[in-house]
PDB file of N, CA and C in Angstrom:
ATOM      1  N   MET A   1     -79.160 211.087 -99.336  1.00  0.00           N
ATOM      2  CA  MET A   1     -78.991 209.832-100.066  1.00  0.00           C
ATOM      3  C   MET A   1     -77.515 209.664-100.556  1.00  0.00           C
ATOM      4  N   LYS A   2     -77.012 210.704-100.991  1.00  0.00           N
ATOM      5  CA  LYS A   2     -75.412 210.600-101.464  1.00  0.00           C
ATOM      6  C   LYS A   2     -74.468 210.184-100.270  1.00  0.00           C
ATOM      7  N   HIS A   3     -74.836 210.573 -99.036  1.00  0.00           N
ATOM      8  CA  HIS A   3     -74.026 210.360 -97.954  1.00  0.00           C
ATOM      9  C   HIS A   3     -74.180 208.765 -97.640  1.00  0.00           C
ATOM     10  N   LEU A   4     -75.342 208.211 -97.794  1.00  0.00           N
ATOM     11  CA  LEU A   4     -75.585 206.788 -97.597  1.00  0.00           C
ATOM     12  C   LEU A   4     -74.807 206.021 -98.698  1.00  0.00           C
ATOM     13  N   ASP A   5     -74.998 206.494 -99.912  1.00  0.00           N
ATOM     14  CA  ASP A   5     -74.388 205.743-101.062  1.00  0.00           C
ATOM     15  C   ASP A   5     -72.795 205.735-100.701  1.00  0.00           C
ATOM     16  N   GLU A   6     -72.253 206.711-100.113  1.00  0.00           N
ATOM     17  CA  GLU A   6     -70.821 206.889 -99.805  1.00  0.00           C
ATOM     18  C   GLU A   6     -70.498 205.819 -98.742  1.00  0.00           C
ATOM     19  N   ARG A   7     -71.222 205.647 -97.761  1.00  0.00           N
ATOM     20  CA  ARG A   7     -71.069 204.794 -96.612  1.00  0.00           C
ATOM     21  C   ARG A   7     -70.926 203.364 -97.255  1.00  0.00           C
ATOM     22  N   VAL A   8     -72.115 203.102 -98.013  1.00  0.00           N
ATOM     23  CA  VAL A   8     -72.214 201.687 -98.570  1.00  0.00           C
ATOM     24  C   VAL A   8     -70.916 201.504 -99.378  1.00  0.00           C
ATOM     25  N   GLU A   9     -70.576 202.321-100.164  1.00  0.00           N
ATOM     26  CA  GLU A   9     -69.307 202.103-100.943  1.00  0.00           C
ATOM     27  C   GLU A   9     -68.052 201.870-100.202  1.00  0.00           C
ATOM     28  N   LYS A  10     -67.894 202.679 -98.962  1.00  0.00           N
ATOM     29  CA  LYS A  10     -66.712 202.364 -98.266  1.00  0.00           C
ATOM     30  C   LYS A  10     -66.777 201.016 -97.583  1.00  0.00           C
ATOM     31  N   LEU A  11     -68.006 200.715 -97.086  1.00  0.00           N
ATOM     32  CA  LEU A  11     -68.189 199.263 -96.390  1.00  0.00           C
ATOM     33  C   LEU A  11     -67.929 198.206 -97.346  1.00  0.00           C
ATOM     34  N   GLY A  12     -68.219 198.453 -98.581  1.00  0.00           N
ATOM     35  CA  GLY A  12     -68.031 197.491 -99.679  1.00  0.00           C
ATOM     36  C   GLY A  12     -66.581 197.315 -99.962  1.00  0.00           C
ATOM     37  N   GLN A  13     -65.816 198.365-100.021  1.00  0.00           N
ATOM     38  CA  GLN A  13     -64.464 198.325-100.167  1.00  0.00           C
ATOM     39  C   GLN A  13     -63.828 197.656 -98.927  1.00  0.00           C
ATOM     40  N   LYS A  14     -64.212 197.866 -97.721  1.00  0.00           N
ATOM     41  CA  LYS A  14     -63.666 197.292 -96.566  1.00  0.00           C
ATOM     42  C   LYS A  14     -63.883 195.724 -96.644  1.00  0.00           C
ATOM     43  N   LEU A  15     -65.166 195.333 -97.026  1.00  0.00           N
ATOM     44  CA  LEU A  15     -65.467 193.997 -97.114  1.00  0.00           C
ATOM     45  C   LEU A  15     -64.668 193.128 -98.198  1.00  0.00           C
ATOM     46  N   GLU A  16     -64.404 193.881 -99.308  1.00  0.00           N
ATOM     47  CA  GLU A  16     -63.585 193.263-100.309  1.00  0.00           C
ATOM     48  C   GLU A  16     -62.255 193.211 -99.802  1.00  0.00           C
ATOM     49  N   THR A  17     -61.693 194.102 -99.059  1.00  0.00           N
ATOM     50  CA  THR A  17     -60.335 193.923 -98.660  1.00  0.00           C
ATOM     51  C   THR A  17     -60.262 192.718 -97.643  1.00  0.00           C
ATOM     52  N   ILE A  18     -61.115 192.669 -96.778  1.00  0.00           N
ATOM     53  CA  ILE A  18     -61.187 191.547 -95.701  1.00  0.00           C
ATOM     54  C   ILE A  18     -61.351 190.275 -96.474  1.00  0.00           C
ATOM     55  N   ALA A  19     -62.188 190.225 -97.349  1.00  0.00           N
ATOM     56  CA  ALA A  19     -62.487 188.805 -98.054  1.00  0.00           C
ATOM     57  C   ALA A  19     -61.139 188.389 -98.906  1.00  0.00           C
ATOM     58  N   PHE A  20     -60.562 189.298 -99.595  1.00  0.00           N
ATOM     59  CA  PHE A  20     -59.414 189.044-100.401  1.00  0.00           C
ATOM     60  C   PHE A  20     -58.081 188.745 -99.564  1.00  0.00           C
ATOM     61  N   ASN A  21     -58.146 189.209 -98.409  1.00  0.00           N
ATOM     62  CA  ASN A  21     -56.923 189.072 -97.457  1.00  0.00           C
ATOM     63  C   ASN A  21     -57.107 187.898 -96.472  1.00  0.00           C
ATOM     64  N   ASN A  22     -58.279 187.228 -96.558  1.00  0.00           N
ATOM     65  CA  ASN A  22     -58.546 186.094 -95.580  1.00  0.00           C
ATOM     66  C   ASN A  22     -58.404 184.920 -96.371  1.00  0.00           C
ATOM     67  N   GLU A  23     -57.529 183.985 -95.927  1.00  0.00           N
ATOM     68  CA  GLU A  23     -57.282 182.662 -96.622  1.00  0.00           C
ATOM     69  C   GLU A  23     -58.478 181.775 -96.557  1.00  0.00           C
ATOM     70  N   ALA A  24     -59.159 181.942 -95.585  1.00  0.00           N
ATOM     71  CA  ALA A  24     -60.480 181.038 -95.452  1.00  0.00           C
ATOM     72  C   ALA A  24     -61.401 181.563 -96.482  1.00  0.00           C
ATOM     73  N   CYS A  25     -61.545 182.874 -96.971  1.00  0.00           N
ATOM     74  CA  CYS A  25     -62.492 183.246 -97.930  1.00  0.00           C
ATOM     75  C   CYS A  25     -62.093 182.867 -99.306  1.00  0.00           C
ATOM     76  N   GLN A  26     -60.891 182.608 -99.550  1.00  0.00           N
ATOM     77  CA  GLN A  26     -60.402 182.495-100.988  1.00  0.00           C
ATOM     78  C   GLN A  26     -61.078 181.296-101.618  1.00  0.00           C
ATOM     79  N   PRO A  27     -61.177 180.036-101.052  1.00  0.00           N
ATOM     80  CA  PRO A  27     -61.839 178.967-101.771  1.00  0.00           C
ATOM     81  C   PRO A  27     -63.243 179.253-101.963  1.00  0.00           C
ATOM     82  N   LEU A  28     -63.897 179.874-101.044  1.00  0.00           N
ATOM     83  CA  LEU A  28     -65.365 180.183-101.026  1.00  0.00           C
ATOM     84  C   LEU A  28     -65.807 181.082-102.174  1.00  0.00           C
ATOM     85  N   LEU A  29     -64.818 182.000-102.409  1.00  0.00           N
ATOM     86  CA  LEU A  29     -65.065 182.956-103.457  1.00  0.00           C
ATOM     87  C   LEU A  29     -64.959 182.317-104.836  1.00  0.00           C
ATOM     88  N   THR A  30     -64.500 181.160-105.062  1.00  0.00           N
ATOM     89  CA  THR A  30     -64.392 180.472-106.236  1.00  0.00           C
ATOM     90  C   THR A  30     -65.848 179.634-106.579  1.00  0.00           C
ATOM     91  N   ILE A  31     -66.762 179.593-105.597  1.00  0.00           N
ATOM     92  CA  ILE A  31     -67.912 178.845-105.761  1.00  0.00           C
ATOM     93  C   ILE A  31     -68.967 179.789-106.451  1.00  0.00           C
ATOM     94  N   PRO A  32     -69.511 179.369-107.659  1.00  0.00           N
ATOM     95  CA  PRO A  32     -70.607 180.188-108.216  1.00  0.00           C
ATOM     96  C   PRO A  32     -71.665 180.535-107.255  1.00  0.00           C
ATOM     97  N   GLY A  33     -72.074 181.778-107.297  1.00  0.00           N
ATOM     98  CA  GLY A  33     -73.103 182.272-106.229  1.00  0.00           C
ATOM     99  C   GLY A  33     -72.651 182.855-105.063  1.00  0.00           C
ATOM    100  N   ILE A  34     -71.288 182.515-104.654  1.00  0.00           N
ATOM    101  CA  ILE A  34     -70.859 182.978-103.473  1.00  0.00           C
ATOM    102  C   ILE A  34     -70.069 184.202-103.756  1.00  0.00           C
ATOM    103  N   GLY A  35     -70.425 185.303-103.053  1.00  0.00           N
ATOM    104  CA  GLY A  35     -69.907 186.534-103.232  1.00  0.00           C
ATOM    105  C   GLY A  35     -69.134 187.024-101.954  1.00  0.00           C
ATOM    106  N   LEU A  36     -68.803 188.237-101.972  1.00  0.00           N
ATOM    107  CA  LEU A  36     -67.950 188.819-100.664  1.00  0.00           C
ATOM    108  C   LEU A  36     -68.844 188.544 -99.314  1.00  0.00           C
ATOM    109  N   LEU A  37     -70.024 189.146 -99.479  1.00  0.00           N
ATOM    110  CA  LEU A  37     -70.865 188.989 -98.268  1.00  0.00           C
ATOM    111  C   LEU A  37     -71.016 187.513 -97.760  1.00  0.00           C
ATOM    112  N   SER A  38     -71.465 186.557 -98.699  1.00  0.00           N
ATOM    113  CA  SER A  38     -71.525 185.205 -98.447  1.00  0.00           C
ATOM    114  C   SER A  38     -70.372 184.502 -97.656  1.00  0.00           C
ATOM    115  N   ALA A  39     -69.169 184.750 -98.367  1.00  0.00           N
ATOM    116  CA  ALA A  39     -67.819 184.228 -98.069  1.00  0.00           C
ATOM    117  C   ALA A  39     -67.561 184.635 -96.620  1.00  0.00           C
ATOM    118  N   THR A  40     -67.611 185.928 -96.471  1.00  0.00           N
ATOM    119  CA  THR A  40     -67.046 186.428 -95.105  1.00  0.00           C
ATOM    120  C   THR A  40     -68.106 186.073 -93.881  1.00  0.00           C
ATOM    121  N   ALA A  41     -69.491 186.075 -94.288  1.00  0.00           N
ATOM    122  CA  ALA A  41     -70.475 185.524 -93.303  1.00  0.00           C
ATOM    123  C   ALA A  41     -70.153 184.076 -92.991  1.00  0.00           C
ATOM    124  N   LEU A  42     -69.867 183.191 -93.965  1.00  0.00           N
ATOM    125  CA  LEU A  42     -69.621 181.796 -93.585  1.00  0.00           C
ATOM    126  C   LEU A  42     -68.305 181.775 -92.812  1.00  0.00           C
ATOM    127  N   VAL A  43     -67.414 182.321 -93.114  1.00  0.00           N
ATOM    128  CA  VAL A  43     -66.124 182.181 -92.215  1.00  0.00           C
ATOM    129  C   VAL A  43     -66.330 182.673 -90.903  1.00  0.00           C
ATOM    130  N   VAL A  44     -67.089 183.831 -90.745  1.00  0.00           N
ATOM    131  CA  VAL A  44     -67.473 184.223 -89.439  1.00  0.00           C
ATOM    132  C   VAL A  44     -68.330 183.261 -88.614  1.00  0.00           C
ATOM    133  N   ALA A  45     -69.293 182.802 -89.269  1.00  0.00           N
ATOM    134  CA  ALA A  45     -70.257 181.794 -88.736  1.00  0.00           C
ATOM    135  C   ALA A  45     -69.625 180.373 -88.411  1.00  0.00           C
ATOM    136  N   ILE A  46     -68.600 179.915 -89.213  1.00  0.00           N
ATOM    137  CA  ILE A  46     -68.181 178.715 -88.978  1.00  0.00           C
ATOM    138  C   ILE A  46     -66.888 178.594 -88.159  1.00  0.00           C
ATOM    139  N   GLY A  47     -66.212 179.767 -88.297  1.00  0.00           N
ATOM    140  CA  GLY A  47     -64.918 179.943 -87.370  1.00  0.00           C
ATOM    141  C   GLY A  47     -63.876 179.080 -88.064  1.00  0.00           C
ATOM    142  N   ASP A  48     -63.172 178.238 -87.133  1.00  0.00           N
ATOM    143  CA  ASP A  48     -62.063 177.448 -87.560  1.00  0.00           C
ATOM    144  C   ASP A  48     -62.596 176.155 -88.015  1.00  0.00           C
ATOM    145  N   ILE A  49     -62.474 176.024 -89.370  1.00  0.00           N
ATOM    146  CA  ILE A  49     -62.918 174.792 -90.123  1.00  0.00           C
ATOM    147  C   ILE A  49     -62.305 173.455 -89.634  1.00  0.00           C
ATOM    148  N   SER A  50     -61.059 173.651 -89.206  1.00  0.00           N
ATOM    149  CA  SER A  50     -60.413 172.362 -88.729  1.00  0.00           C
ATOM    150  C   SER A  50     -61.064 171.627 -87.461  1.00  0.00           C
ATOM    151  N   ALA A  51     -62.119 172.360 -86.896  1.00  0.00           N
ATOM    152  CA  ALA A  51     -62.730 171.774 -85.702  1.00  0.00           C
ATOM    153  C   ALA A  51     -63.817 170.676 -86.156  1.00  0.00           C
ATOM    154  N   PHE A  52     -63.962 170.659 -87.501  1.00  0.00           N
ATOM    155  CA  PHE A  52     -65.008 169.856 -88.077  1.00  0.00           C
ATOM    156  C   PHE A  52     -64.212 168.522 -88.575  1.00  0.00           C
ATOM    157  N   LYS A  53     -64.838 167.240 -88.369  1.00  0.00           N
ATOM    158  CA  LYS A  53     -64.164 166.164 -89.069  1.00  0.00           C
ATOM    159  C   LYS A  53     -64.309 166.134 -90.606  1.00  0.00           C
ATOM    160  N   LYS A  54     -63.367 165.470 -91.283  1.00  0.00           N
ATOM    161  CA  LYS A  54     -63.470 165.494 -92.614  1.00  0.00           C
ATOM    162  C   LYS A  54     -64.475 164.367 -93.153  1.00  0.00           C
ATOM    163  N   LEU A  55     -65.121 164.623 -94.184  1.00  0.00           N
ATOM    164  CA  LEU A  55     -66.036 163.678 -94.612  1.00  0.00           C
ATOM    165  C   LEU A  55     -65.317 162.278 -94.915  1.00  0.00           C
ATOM    166  N   GLY A  56     -66.108 161.239 -94.386  1.00  0.00           N
ATOM    167  CA  GLY A  56     -65.528 159.765 -94.560  1.00  0.00           C
ATOM    168  C   GLY A  56     -64.474 159.438 -93.366  1.00  0.00           C
ATOM    169  N   SER A  57     -64.371 160.346 -92.302  1.00  0.00           N
ATOM    170  CA  SER A  57     -63.418 159.964 -91.327  1.00  0.00           C
ATOM    171  C   SER A  57     -64.275 159.363 -90.098  1.00  0.00           C
ATOM    172  N   GLY A  58     -65.292 158.777 -90.354  1.00  0.00           N
ATOM    173  CA  GLY A  58     -65.992 158.046 -89.325  1.00  0.00           C
ATOM    174  C   GLY A  58     -66.785 159.209 -88.488  1.00  0.00           C
ATOM    175  N   LEU A  59     -67.635 159.888 -89.240  1.00  0.00           N
ATOM    176  CA  LEU A  59     -68.540 160.832 -88.551  1.00  0.00           C
ATOM    177  C   LEU A  59     -69.440 160.042 -87.714  1.00  0.00           C
TER     178      LEU A  59
END
């Protein structure tokens, strides 16, 4: 069990490093309820946000 805890801790540290060094994650992390896992998952799922039209631009 200790080995598993150590792996989870290391993965958590990697996730934290990725999230805090990724410009797309930064604004997401300011939203209440959005943590490291959610922010990085959204960035991976959405990809390049500029591919989407801005709200009010004639969707």
